Amino acid sequence: MSNEQDFENRELKCIDCRTDFTWSAGEQAFFQEKGFTEPPKRCPDCRQAKRARNNEV
């Protein structure tokens, strides 16, 4: 099983606001542990806003 030391921080671009954000090694390890195979497409702020919009329904 991989741990945080197996990853390096990566810079990604948010598909909503187009800002660059850091996908940390710890977040990458968490994603792998949960079985997620794709990196996040949204920055933390846009992810939170999307969750809030989805919970309004």
C-alpha atoms as a PDB file:
ATOM      1  CA  MET A   1       0.000   0.000   0.000  1.00  0.00           C
ATOM      2  CA  SER A   2       1.314   3.447  -0.914  1.00  0.00           C
ATOM      3  CA  ASN A   3       1.801   6.233   1.538  1.00  0.00           C
ATOM      4  CA  GLU A   4       2.267   9.972   1.318  1.00  0.00           C
ATOM      5  CA  GLN A   5       6.003   9.571   0.673  1.00  0.00           C
ATOM      6  CA  ASP A   6       5.232   7.806  -2.624  1.00  0.00           C
ATOM      7  CA  PHE A   7       3.679  10.987  -4.058  1.00  0.00           C
ATOM      8  CA  GLU A   8       4.803  14.523  -4.875  1.00  0.00           C
ATOM      9  CA  ASN A   9       2.690  17.669  -4.810  1.00  0.00           C
ATOM     10  CA  ARG A  10       1.206  18.425  -8.233  1.00  0.00           C
ATOM     11  CA  GLU A  11      -0.084  21.673  -9.686  1.00  0.00           C
ATOM     12  CA  LEU A  12      -3.498  21.345 -11.351  1.00  0.00           C
ATOM     13  CA  LYS A  13      -5.884  23.818 -13.003  1.00  0.00           C
ATOM     14  CA  CYS A  14      -9.509  24.063 -11.853  1.00  0.00           C
ATOM     15  CA  ILE A  15     -12.069  23.483 -14.630  1.00  0.00           C
ATOM     16  CA  ASP A  16     -14.484  25.992 -13.068  1.00  0.00           C
ATOM     17  CA  CYS A  17     -12.443  29.040 -12.023  1.00  0.00           C
ATOM     18  CA  ARG A  18      -9.276  28.221 -14.033  1.00  0.00           C
ATOM     19  CA  THR A  19      -6.957  28.924 -11.097  1.00  0.00           C
ATOM     20  CA  ASP A  20      -3.976  26.727 -10.342  1.00  0.00           C
ATOM     21  CA  PHE A  21      -4.122  24.701  -7.143  1.00  0.00           C
ATOM     22  CA  THR A  22      -1.837  22.215  -5.424  1.00  0.00           C
ATOM     23  CA  TRP A  23      -2.912  18.597  -5.150  1.00  0.00           C
ATOM     24  CA  SER A  24      -0.848  17.578  -2.152  1.00  0.00           C
ATOM     25  CA  ALA A  25       0.904  14.261  -1.666  1.00  0.00           C
ATOM     26  CA  GLY A  26      -1.417  13.568   1.273  1.00  0.00           C
ATOM     27  CA  GLU A  27      -4.512  14.168  -0.859  1.00  0.00           C
ATOM     28  CA  GLN A  28      -3.119  11.878  -3.551  1.00  0.00           C
ATOM     29  CA  ALA A  29      -2.578   9.108  -0.998  1.00  0.00           C
ATOM     30  CA  PHE A  30      -6.155   9.618   0.250  1.00  0.00           C
ATOM     31  CA  PHE A  31      -7.528   9.421  -3.306  1.00  0.00           C
ATOM     32  CA  GLN A  32      -5.628   6.183  -3.938  1.00  0.00           C
ATOM     33  CA  GLU A  33      -6.807   4.712  -0.630  1.00  0.00           C
ATOM     34  CA  LYS A  34     -10.430   5.468  -1.590  1.00  0.00           C
ATOM     35  CA  GLY A  35      -9.971   3.935  -5.049  1.00  0.00           C
ATOM     36  CA  PHE A  36     -10.219   7.200  -6.999  1.00  0.00           C
ATOM     37  CA  THR A  37      -8.200   6.912 -10.203  1.00  0.00           C
ATOM     38  CA  GLU A  38      -8.483  10.483 -11.543  1.00  0.00           C
ATOM     39  CA  PRO A  39      -7.091  13.667  -9.979  1.00  0.00           C
ATOM     40  CA  PRO A  40      -9.587  16.309  -8.844  1.00  0.00           C
ATOM     41  CA  LYS A  41     -10.882  18.619 -11.572  1.00  0.00           C
ATOM     42  CA  ARG A  42     -11.862  21.424  -9.215  1.00  0.00           C
ATOM     43  CA  CYS A  43      -9.952  23.435  -6.627  1.00  0.00           C
ATOM     44  CA  PRO A  44     -11.032  23.013  -2.986  1.00  0.00           C
ATOM     45  CA  ASP A  45     -13.194  26.177  -3.082  1.00  0.00           C
ATOM     46  CA  CYS A  46     -15.042  25.099  -6.238  1.00  0.00           C
ATOM     47  CA  ARG A  47     -15.440  21.534  -4.899  1.00  0.00           C
ATOM     48  CA  GLN A  48     -17.061  22.934  -1.765  1.00  0.00           C
ATOM     49  CA  ALA A  49     -19.327  25.236  -3.807  1.00  0.00           C
ATOM     50  CA  LYS A  50     -20.379  22.318  -6.044  1.00  0.00           C
ATOM     51  CA  ARG A  51     -21.206  20.174  -2.994  1.00  0.00           C
ATOM     52  CA  ALA A  52     -23.282  23.030  -1.558  1.00  0.00           C
ATOM     53  CA  ARG A  53     -25.187  23.422  -4.847  1.00  0.00           C
ATOM     54  CA  ASN A  54     -25.850  19.673  -5.021  1.00  0.00           C
ATOM     55  CA  ASN A  55     -27.127  19.614  -1.431  1.00  0.00           C
ATOM     56  CA  GLU A  56     -29.668  22.369  -2.169  1.00  0.00           C
ATOM     57  CA  VAL A  57     -31.681  20.079  -4.439  1.00  0.00           C
END
